[in-house]
Amino acid sequence: MANQVRRAMGGLLGNNGAARTSQDDKLFYKIGEVSKITGLPSYVLRFWESEFDFLRPQKGRGRQRVYTQKDVETLVQIKRMRYEQGYTIEGLRRRWNTRQGTQERKPSRAALEVLKRVRHDLSEMLKVLNDQT
């Protein structure tokens, strides 16, 4: 899998596969460059922009799209999920919204209960070990 990402991100990696240093990191990529990096035609990139609210590259002078490295990484993830894992556009949209939402949510009650139980069991074990010494 790492090789697939390395290949997909080939334009972002140096000759030896290591990430470029901050000196020659590009801040922005034009749609043609992103198309070469991801292996996707530019019309697919534009279509995905219209389908996914979270994918909104800035527009530079001359109203040309400029993608950040984070945008390119997001596109590589979408490509992998769409073509390798078989997600539909709607499934991707739902999955991405769920992924974003789970990062902001608090742990569920069930998870908290399990943690309390484990903490209690560990403290009991510690008491037993302390009593034996």
N, C-alpha and C. Protein backbone atom coordinates (compact mmCIF):
# COMPACT_ATOMS: atom_id res chain seq x y z
N MET A 1 0.82 -1.19 0.00
CA MET A 1 0.00 0.00 0.00
C MET A 1 0.87 1.25 0.00
N ALA A 2 1.94 1.25 0.77
CA ALA A 2 2.83 2.41 0.81
C ALA A 2 3.40 2.69 -0.57
N ASN A 3 3.71 1.62 -1.32
CA ASN A 3 4.24 1.80 -2.67
C ASN A 3 3.20 2.43 -3.58
N GLN A 4 1.94 2.06 -3.41
CA GLN A 4 0.89 2.64 -4.23
C GLN A 4 0.77 4.14 -3.97
N VAL A 5 0.80 4.51 -2.70
CA VAL A 5 0.72 5.93 -2.37
C VAL A 5 1.96 6.64 -2.89
N ARG A 6 3.13 6.01 -2.73
CA ARG A 6 4.36 6.62 -3.22
C ARG A 6 4.29 6.84 -4.73
N ARG A 7 3.74 5.83 -5.44
CA ARG A 7 3.60 5.97 -6.88
C ARG A 7 2.61 7.06 -7.23
N ALA A 8 1.48 7.09 -6.51
CA ALA A 8 0.46 8.10 -6.79
C ALA A 8 0.96 9.49 -6.45
N MET A 9 1.80 9.57 -5.44
CA MET A 9 2.32 10.86 -5.01
C MET A 9 3.70 11.10 -5.62
N GLY A 10 4.02 10.40 -6.70
CA GLY A 10 5.35 10.46 -7.29
C GLY A 10 5.87 11.86 -7.50
N GLY A 11 5.04 12.78 -7.90
CA GLY A 11 5.48 14.14 -8.11
C GLY A 11 5.82 14.86 -6.82
N LEU A 12 5.36 14.34 -5.69
CA LEU A 12 5.62 14.98 -4.42
C LEU A 12 6.83 14.39 -3.72
N LEU A 13 7.37 13.30 -4.26
CA LEU A 13 8.48 12.62 -3.62
C LEU A 13 9.75 12.83 -4.41
N GLY A 14 10.86 12.79 -3.72
CA GLY A 14 12.16 12.93 -4.37
C GLY A 14 12.50 11.69 -5.16
N ASN A 15 13.69 11.68 -5.77
CA ASN A 15 14.10 10.55 -6.60
C ASN A 15 14.22 9.25 -5.83
N ASN A 16 14.62 9.33 -4.56
CA ASN A 16 14.81 8.10 -3.78
C ASN A 16 13.55 7.69 -3.03
N GLY A 17 12.44 8.37 -3.26
CA GLY A 17 11.19 8.01 -2.60
C GLY A 17 10.99 8.74 -1.29
N ALA A 18 11.98 9.49 -0.85
CA ALA A 18 11.85 10.24 0.39
C ALA A 18 11.08 11.53 0.10
N ALA A 19 10.39 12.01 1.11
CA ALA A 19 9.65 13.25 0.93
C ALA A 19 10.62 14.39 0.67
N ARG A 20 10.21 15.34 -0.15
CA ARG A 20 11.05 16.48 -0.45
C ARG A 20 11.26 17.32 0.80
N THR A 21 12.36 18.00 0.85
CA THR A 21 12.61 18.89 1.97
C THR A 21 11.76 20.13 1.81
N SER A 22 11.64 20.90 2.88
CA SER A 22 10.78 22.08 2.83
C SER A 22 11.30 23.10 1.82
N GLN A 23 12.59 23.03 1.45
CA GLN A 23 13.14 23.99 0.51
C GLN A 23 12.49 23.86 -0.87
N ASP A 24 12.32 22.63 -1.34
CA ASP A 24 11.76 22.51 -2.67
C ASP A 24 10.33 21.96 -2.66
N ASP A 25 9.67 22.01 -1.50
CA ASP A 25 8.24 21.67 -1.46
C ASP A 25 7.47 22.78 -2.17
N LYS A 26 6.55 22.39 -2.99
CA LYS A 26 5.71 23.38 -3.64
C LYS A 26 4.53 23.66 -2.74
N LEU A 27 4.14 24.90 -2.67
CA LEU A 27 2.98 25.25 -1.86
C LEU A 27 1.70 24.99 -2.63
N PHE A 28 1.74 25.20 -3.95
CA PHE A 28 0.55 25.05 -4.76
C PHE A 28 0.86 24.29 -6.04
N TYR A 29 -0.16 23.57 -6.51
CA TYR A 29 -0.04 22.80 -7.74
C TYR A 29 -1.17 23.19 -8.67
N LYS A 30 -0.88 23.33 -9.96
CA LYS A 30 -1.91 23.61 -10.96
C LYS A 30 -2.63 22.31 -11.28
N ILE A 31 -3.79 22.42 -11.89
CA ILE A 31 -4.63 21.24 -12.15
C ILE A 31 -3.90 20.24 -13.05
N GLY A 32 -3.09 20.70 -13.98
CA GLY A 32 -2.34 19.79 -14.85
C GLY A 32 -1.32 18.98 -14.07
N GLU A 33 -0.67 19.63 -13.11
CA GLU A 33 0.31 18.93 -12.28
C GLU A 33 -0.38 17.89 -11.40
N VAL A 34 -1.52 18.28 -10.83
CA VAL A 34 -2.27 17.35 -9.98
C VAL A 34 -2.78 16.18 -10.81
N SER A 35 -3.16 16.44 -12.03
CA SER A 35 -3.62 15.39 -12.92
C SER A 35 -2.51 14.37 -13.17
N LYS A 36 -1.28 14.84 -13.36
CA LYS A 36 -0.15 13.94 -13.57
C LYS A 36 0.18 13.16 -12.30
N ILE A 37 0.15 13.85 -11.16
CA ILE A 37 0.49 13.21 -9.88
C ILE A 37 -0.51 12.10 -9.56
N THR A 38 -1.79 12.38 -9.73
CA THR A 38 -2.83 11.42 -9.34
C THR A 38 -3.14 10.42 -10.44
N GLY A 39 -2.79 10.74 -11.67
CA GLY A 39 -3.12 9.86 -12.79
C GLY A 39 -4.58 9.97 -13.19
N LEU A 40 -5.21 11.08 -12.82
CA LEU A 40 -6.61 11.31 -13.16
C LEU A 40 -6.73 12.44 -14.17
N PRO A 41 -7.64 12.32 -15.12
CA PRO A 41 -7.85 13.44 -16.06
C PRO A 41 -8.38 14.67 -15.31
N SER A 42 -8.09 15.84 -15.84
CA SER A 42 -8.49 17.07 -15.16
C SER A 42 -10.01 17.19 -15.06
N TYR A 43 -10.76 16.63 -16.01
CA TYR A 43 -12.22 16.73 -15.92
C TYR A 43 -12.76 15.93 -14.74
N VAL A 44 -12.07 14.84 -14.35
CA VAL A 44 -12.48 14.07 -13.18
C VAL A 44 -12.23 14.90 -11.92
N LEU A 45 -11.09 15.59 -11.87
CA LEU A 45 -10.79 16.45 -10.72
C LEU A 45 -11.85 17.54 -10.58
N ARG A 46 -12.23 18.16 -11.70
CA ARG A 46 -13.26 19.21 -11.65
C ARG A 46 -14.61 18.64 -11.23
N PHE A 47 -14.93 17.43 -11.73
CA PHE A 47 -16.19 16.79 -11.35
C PHE A 47 -16.22 16.51 -9.86
N TRP A 48 -15.12 15.96 -9.32
CA TRP A 48 -15.07 15.66 -7.89
C TRP A 48 -15.20 16.93 -7.05
N GLU A 49 -14.67 18.05 -7.55
CA GLU A 49 -14.85 19.31 -6.83
C GLU A 49 -16.33 19.65 -6.69
N SER A 50 -17.09 19.36 -7.73
CA SER A 50 -18.52 19.67 -7.67
C SER A 50 -19.29 18.69 -6.79
N GLU A 51 -18.75 17.49 -6.60
CA GLU A 51 -19.43 16.46 -5.83
C GLU A 51 -19.09 16.49 -4.33
N PHE A 52 -17.89 16.92 -3.99
CA PHE A 52 -17.43 16.88 -2.59
C PHE A 52 -17.22 18.29 -2.07
N ASP A 53 -18.01 18.66 -1.06
CA ASP A 53 -17.91 20.00 -0.50
C ASP A 53 -16.56 20.29 0.13
N PHE A 54 -15.91 19.27 0.66
CA PHE A 54 -14.64 19.46 1.35
C PHE A 54 -13.48 19.66 0.39
N LEU A 55 -13.70 19.44 -0.89
CA LEU A 55 -12.65 19.58 -1.89
C LEU A 55 -12.89 20.86 -2.68
N ARG A 56 -12.29 21.93 -2.21
CA ARG A 56 -12.45 23.23 -2.85
C ARG A 56 -11.09 23.91 -3.00
N PRO A 57 -10.38 23.62 -4.12
CA PRO A 57 -9.09 24.29 -4.30
C PRO A 57 -9.31 25.79 -4.49
N GLN A 58 -8.32 26.54 -4.08
CA GLN A 58 -8.40 27.98 -4.25
C GLN A 58 -8.23 28.30 -5.72
N LYS A 59 -8.60 29.50 -6.09
CA LYS A 59 -8.39 29.93 -7.46
C LYS A 59 -7.36 31.06 -7.43
N GLY A 60 -6.36 30.91 -8.25
CA GLY A 60 -5.29 31.90 -8.31
C GLY A 60 -5.59 32.97 -9.33
N ARG A 61 -4.54 33.66 -9.72
CA ARG A 61 -4.72 34.69 -10.76
C ARG A 61 -5.22 34.02 -12.03
N GLY A 62 -6.05 34.70 -12.72
CA GLY A 62 -6.60 34.13 -13.94
C GLY A 62 -7.62 33.03 -13.66
N ARG A 63 -8.10 32.96 -12.43
CA ARG A 63 -9.11 31.99 -11.98
C ARG A 63 -8.66 30.54 -12.23
N GLN A 64 -7.38 30.31 -12.20
CA GLN A 64 -6.85 28.95 -12.36
C GLN A 64 -6.84 28.26 -11.00
N ARG A 65 -7.24 26.99 -10.99
CA ARG A 65 -7.26 26.24 -9.73
C ARG A 65 -5.85 26.03 -9.22
N VAL A 66 -5.69 26.22 -7.89
CA VAL A 66 -4.41 25.93 -7.25
C VAL A 66 -4.68 25.01 -6.07
N TYR A 67 -4.08 23.84 -6.12
CA TYR A 67 -4.27 22.80 -5.11
C TYR A 67 -3.12 22.84 -4.12
N THR A 68 -3.42 22.64 -2.85
CA THR A 68 -2.39 22.50 -1.84
C THR A 68 -1.97 21.04 -1.77
N GLN A 69 -0.90 20.75 -1.03
CA GLN A 69 -0.47 19.37 -0.88
C GLN A 69 -1.55 18.55 -0.18
N LYS A 70 -2.26 19.17 0.76
CA LYS A 70 -3.35 18.47 1.45
C LYS A 70 -4.46 18.09 0.46
N ASP A 71 -4.77 19.00 -0.47
CA ASP A 71 -5.77 18.71 -1.50
C ASP A 71 -5.34 17.51 -2.34
N VAL A 72 -4.06 17.46 -2.69
CA VAL A 72 -3.54 16.36 -3.52
C VAL A 72 -3.64 15.05 -2.74
N GLU A 73 -3.28 15.08 -1.46
CA GLU A 73 -3.37 13.87 -0.64
C GLU A 73 -4.82 13.41 -0.53
N THR A 74 -5.74 14.35 -0.38
CA THR A 74 -7.17 14.01 -0.32
C THR A 74 -7.62 13.37 -1.63
N LEU A 75 -7.17 13.91 -2.75
CA LEU A 75 -7.54 13.34 -4.04
C LEU A 75 -7.00 11.92 -4.20
N VAL A 76 -5.80 11.67 -3.72
CA VAL A 76 -5.22 10.32 -3.80
C VAL A 76 -6.06 9.36 -2.96
N GLN A 77 -6.50 9.80 -1.78
CA GLN A 77 -7.35 8.95 -0.93
C GLN A 77 -8.68 8.68 -1.61
N ILE A 78 -9.28 9.70 -2.19
CA ILE A 78 -10.56 9.52 -2.89
C ILE A 78 -10.39 8.55 -4.05
N LYS A 79 -9.30 8.71 -4.81
CA LYS A 79 -9.04 7.82 -5.95
C LYS A 79 -8.94 6.37 -5.48
N ARG A 80 -8.17 6.16 -4.41
CA ARG A 80 -7.99 4.80 -3.89
C ARG A 80 -9.33 4.22 -3.45
N MET A 81 -10.10 5.01 -2.70
CA MET A 81 -11.39 4.51 -2.22
C MET A 81 -12.35 4.25 -3.37
N ARG A 82 -12.32 5.10 -4.39
CA ARG A 82 -13.26 4.98 -5.51
C ARG A 82 -12.90 3.80 -6.41
N TYR A 83 -11.64 3.73 -6.82
CA TYR A 83 -11.27 2.75 -7.83
C TYR A 83 -10.76 1.43 -7.27
N GLU A 84 -10.07 1.45 -6.13
CA GLU A 84 -9.53 0.22 -5.58
C GLU A 84 -10.50 -0.45 -4.60
N GLN A 85 -11.20 0.36 -3.81
CA GLN A 85 -12.10 -0.20 -2.81
C GLN A 85 -13.54 -0.25 -3.30
N GLY A 86 -13.84 0.37 -4.44
CA GLY A 86 -15.15 0.23 -5.06
C GLY A 86 -16.25 1.12 -4.51
N TYR A 87 -15.91 2.18 -3.81
CA TYR A 87 -16.94 3.09 -3.29
C TYR A 87 -17.61 3.83 -4.43
N THR A 88 -18.90 4.10 -4.27
CA THR A 88 -19.60 4.97 -5.21
C THR A 88 -19.37 6.41 -4.75
N ILE A 89 -19.76 7.36 -5.59
CA ILE A 89 -19.62 8.77 -5.21
C ILE A 89 -20.44 9.04 -3.95
N GLU A 90 -21.67 8.55 -3.91
CA GLU A 90 -22.52 8.75 -2.73
C GLU A 90 -21.93 8.06 -1.51
N GLY A 91 -21.41 6.85 -1.69
CA GLY A 91 -20.79 6.14 -0.59
C GLY A 91 -19.56 6.87 -0.07
N LEU A 92 -18.78 7.43 -0.99
CA LEU A 92 -17.62 8.22 -0.59
C LEU A 92 -18.03 9.45 0.22
N ARG A 93 -19.07 10.10 -0.26
CA ARG A 93 -19.55 11.31 0.43
C ARG A 93 -19.98 10.96 1.85
N ARG A 94 -20.76 9.87 1.98
CA ARG A 94 -21.21 9.44 3.32
C ARG A 94 -20.04 9.03 4.19
N ARG A 95 -19.13 8.25 3.63
CA ARG A 95 -17.97 7.77 4.37
C ARG A 95 -17.10 8.94 4.84
N TRP A 96 -16.90 9.92 3.95
CA TRP A 96 -16.06 11.05 4.30
C TRP A 96 -16.70 11.89 5.41
N ASN A 97 -18.02 12.08 5.31
CA ASN A 97 -18.73 12.83 6.36
C ASN A 97 -18.65 12.10 7.69
N THR A 98 -18.73 10.78 7.66
CA THR A 98 -18.63 9.97 8.88
C THR A 98 -17.22 10.08 9.45
N ARG A 99 -16.21 10.02 8.58
CA ARG A 99 -14.83 10.14 9.04
C ARG A 99 -14.60 11.49 9.71
N GLN A 100 -15.11 12.55 9.09
CA GLN A 100 -14.93 13.88 9.66
C GLN A 100 -15.68 13.98 10.99
N GLY A 101 -16.87 13.41 11.05
CA GLY A 101 -17.69 13.48 12.25
C GLY A 101 -17.11 12.70 13.41
N THR A 102 -16.51 11.54 13.12
CA THR A 102 -15.98 10.73 14.21
C THR A 102 -14.78 11.38 14.85
N GLN A 103 -14.08 12.21 14.13
CA GLN A 103 -12.93 12.90 14.71
C GLN A 103 -13.38 13.94 15.72
N GLU A 104 -14.59 14.44 15.58
CA GLU A 104 -15.07 15.50 16.46
C GLU A 104 -15.95 14.97 17.58
N ARG A 105 -16.41 13.73 17.48
CA ARG A 105 -17.32 13.18 18.48
C ARG A 105 -16.61 12.75 19.74
N LYS A 106 -17.38 12.72 20.82
CA LYS A 106 -16.86 12.20 22.09
C LYS A 106 -17.02 10.68 22.07
N PRO A 107 -16.28 9.98 22.94
CA PRO A 107 -16.44 8.52 23.01
C PRO A 107 -17.87 8.16 23.43
N SER A 108 -18.35 7.04 22.95
CA SER A 108 -19.70 6.60 23.29
C SER A 108 -19.77 6.15 24.74
N ARG A 109 -20.99 6.03 25.24
CA ARG A 109 -21.18 5.58 26.63
C ARG A 109 -20.65 4.16 26.82
N ALA A 110 -20.88 3.33 25.83
CA ALA A 110 -20.40 1.94 25.93
C ALA A 110 -18.87 1.91 26.05
N ALA A 111 -18.20 2.74 25.27
CA ALA A 111 -16.74 2.79 25.34
C ALA A 111 -16.29 3.31 26.70
N LEU A 112 -16.99 4.29 27.22
CA LEU A 112 -16.64 4.82 28.55
C LEU A 112 -16.84 3.77 29.63
N GLU A 113 -17.91 2.98 29.50
CA GLU A 113 -18.16 1.92 30.48
C GLU A 113 -17.06 0.86 30.44
N VAL A 114 -16.65 0.50 29.25
CA VAL A 114 -15.57 -0.49 29.11
C VAL A 114 -14.29 0.06 29.74
N LEU A 115 -14.00 1.31 29.49
CA LEU A 115 -12.80 1.92 30.08
C LEU A 115 -12.87 1.93 31.61
N LYS A 116 -14.03 2.24 32.15
CA LYS A 116 -14.20 2.25 33.61
C LYS A 116 -13.97 0.85 34.17
N ARG A 117 -14.55 -0.17 33.49
CA ARG A 117 -14.39 -1.55 33.93
C ARG A 117 -12.93 -1.99 33.89
N VAL A 118 -12.24 -1.65 32.83
CA VAL A 118 -10.83 -2.03 32.68
C VAL A 118 -10.01 -1.32 33.75
N ARG A 119 -10.28 -0.04 33.97
CA ARG A 119 -9.55 0.71 34.99
C ARG A 119 -9.76 0.08 36.38
N HIS A 120 -11.00 -0.30 36.65
CA HIS A 120 -11.32 -0.93 37.93
C HIS A 120 -10.58 -2.27 38.07
N ASP A 121 -10.64 -3.09 37.02
CA ASP A 121 -9.96 -4.39 37.05
C ASP A 121 -8.45 -4.23 37.25
N LEU A 122 -7.87 -3.26 36.58
CA LEU A 122 -6.44 -3.02 36.72
C LEU A 122 -6.08 -2.57 38.14
N SER A 123 -6.91 -1.73 38.72
CA SER A 123 -6.63 -1.29 40.10
C SER A 123 -6.74 -2.47 41.07
N GLU A 124 -7.71 -3.38 40.81
CA GLU A 124 -7.83 -4.58 41.65
C GLU A 124 -6.60 -5.47 41.52
N MET A 125 -6.11 -5.64 40.31
CA MET A 125 -4.90 -6.45 40.10
C MET A 125 -3.71 -5.81 40.80
N LEU A 126 -3.62 -4.51 40.73
CA LEU A 126 -2.53 -3.81 41.39
C LEU A 126 -2.57 -4.00 42.90
N LYS A 127 -3.76 -3.98 43.47
CA LYS A 127 -3.92 -4.21 44.91
C LYS A 127 -3.43 -5.61 45.28
N VAL A 128 -3.82 -6.60 44.48
CA VAL A 128 -3.42 -7.98 44.74
C VAL A 128 -1.89 -8.10 44.66
N LEU A 129 -1.28 -7.49 43.66
CA LEU A 129 0.16 -7.55 43.52
C LEU A 129 0.87 -6.85 44.68
N ASN A 130 0.34 -5.75 45.10
CA ASN A 130 0.93 -5.03 46.24
C ASN A 130 0.82 -5.79 47.54
N ASP A 131 -0.27 -6.53 47.71
CA ASP A 131 -0.47 -7.34 48.92
C ASP A 131 0.49 -8.51 48.96
N GLN A 132 0.88 -9.04 47.79
CA GLN A 132 1.78 -10.20 47.74
C GLN A 132 3.22 -9.83 48.07
N THR A 133 3.58 -8.58 47.90
CA THR A 133 4.99 -8.21 48.14
C THR A 133 5.24 -7.72 49.54
